[in-house]
Amino acid sequence: MWLWRLVHGLRVNFPFLLLGVLILEGVVALLSMFTFPPLALALVFVGLGTLALSIVARGMLAVADTSLARFLGIEIPPTEGEEPEGP
């Protein structure tokens, strides 16, 4: 049960987690711009890679969330942007 709560919490709060990671990358790039400019340039590409990997990670979290919920017999409440199931 605790594992599903962790995965579900990560899935629901994933945009905020991703925003925090990207802001942290931006702050490091800003600080390194004056000390070691090639690192700032590299962090631009790291940020783009982070966005690309986030698409994969979000899909994997959704699959893990629904799989765990079905395995444990938990009814998943619809998240924002999803239609509730049933008539």
Protein backbone atom coordinates (compact mmCIF):
# COMPACT_ATOMS: atom_id res chain seq x y z
CA MET A 1 0.00 0.00 0.00
CA TRP A 2 2.80 2.45 0.86
CA LEU A 3 4.44 1.77 -2.50
CA TRP A 4 1.25 2.68 -4.35
CA ARG A 5 0.90 5.87 -2.29
CA LEU A 6 4.47 6.82 -3.19
CA VAL A 7 4.02 6.12 -6.92
CA HIS A 8 0.60 7.81 -7.00
CA GLY A 9 1.97 10.86 -5.19
CA LEU A 10 4.85 11.10 -7.65
CA ARG A 11 2.45 10.80 -10.60
CA VAL A 12 0.08 13.44 -9.30
CA ASN A 13 2.87 15.88 -8.35
CA PHE A 14 5.14 15.11 -11.31
CA PRO A 15 4.80 18.54 -12.98
CA PHE A 16 5.93 20.27 -9.76
CA LEU A 17 8.86 17.88 -9.36
CA LEU A 18 9.90 18.48 -12.96
CA LEU A 19 9.58 22.25 -12.52
CA GLY A 20 11.83 22.09 -9.46
CA VAL A 21 14.48 20.09 -11.33
CA LEU A 22 14.42 22.50 -14.28
CA ILE A 23 14.65 25.56 -12.02
CA LEU A 24 17.62 23.98 -10.22
CA GLU A 25 19.31 23.34 -13.57
CA GLY A 26 18.66 26.95 -14.57
CA VAL A 27 20.15 28.32 -11.36
CA VAL A 28 23.27 26.18 -11.77
CA ALA A 29 23.56 27.33 -15.39
CA LEU A 30 23.17 30.98 -14.36
CA LEU A 31 25.85 30.70 -11.70
CA SER A 32 28.22 28.82 -13.96
CA MET A 33 27.77 31.29 -16.81
CA PHE A 34 30.26 33.65 -15.18
CA THR A 35 32.72 31.05 -13.92
CA PHE A 36 32.74 28.27 -16.53
CA PRO A 37 30.63 29.14 -19.61
CA PRO A 38 30.89 25.71 -21.32
CA LEU A 39 29.03 24.18 -18.37
CA ALA A 40 26.19 26.67 -18.86
CA LEU A 41 25.97 25.67 -22.50
CA ALA A 42 26.02 22.00 -21.58
CA LEU A 43 23.21 22.56 -19.08
CA VAL A 44 21.00 23.87 -21.88
CA PHE A 45 21.25 20.47 -23.52
CA VAL A 46 20.85 18.70 -20.17
CA GLY A 47 17.59 20.64 -19.72
CA LEU A 48 16.35 19.53 -23.13
CA GLY A 49 17.27 15.96 -22.27
CA THR A 50 15.43 16.28 -18.98
CA LEU A 51 12.28 17.33 -20.83
CA ALA A 52 12.60 14.40 -23.23
CA LEU A 53 13.12 11.90 -20.41
CA SER A 54 10.21 13.37 -18.46
CA ILE A 55 7.80 12.20 -21.17
CA VAL A 56 9.04 8.64 -20.72
CA ALA A 57 9.07 8.91 -16.92
CA ARG A 58 5.50 10.22 -16.82
CA GLY A 59 4.27 7.31 -18.91
CA MET A 60 6.11 4.81 -16.74
CA LEU A 61 4.64 6.36 -13.58
CA ALA A 62 1.14 6.13 -15.04
CA VAL A 63 1.61 2.46 -15.94
CA ALA A 64 3.11 1.65 -12.54
CA ASP A 65 0.30 3.51 -10.76
CA THR A 66 -2.52 1.70 -12.55
CA SER A 67 -0.78 -1.68 -12.36
CA LEU A 68 -0.16 -1.40 -8.63
CA ALA A 69 -3.70 -0.21 -8.01
CA ARG A 70 -5.17 -3.15 -9.91
CA PHE A 71 -2.84 -5.59 -8.16
CA LEU A 72 -3.75 -4.23 -4.73
CA GLY A 73 -7.46 -3.80 -5.55
CA ILE A 74 -7.48 -0.03 -5.09
CA GLU A 75 -9.91 2.18 -7.00
CA ILE A 76 -7.95 5.02 -8.54
CA PRO A 77 -9.63 8.42 -8.30
CA PRO A 78 -9.59 10.26 -11.64
CA THR A 79 -6.86 12.87 -11.86
CA GLU A 80 -7.22 16.27 -13.45
CA GLY A 81 -7.98 15.98 -17.16
CA GLU A 82 -9.28 12.41 -17.02
CA GLU A 83 -12.87 11.34 -17.44
CA PRO A 84 -14.33 9.17 -14.66
CA GLU A 85 -15.05 5.59 -15.67
CA GLY A 86 -18.51 4.12 -15.62
CA PRO A 87 -21.96 5.15 -16.87
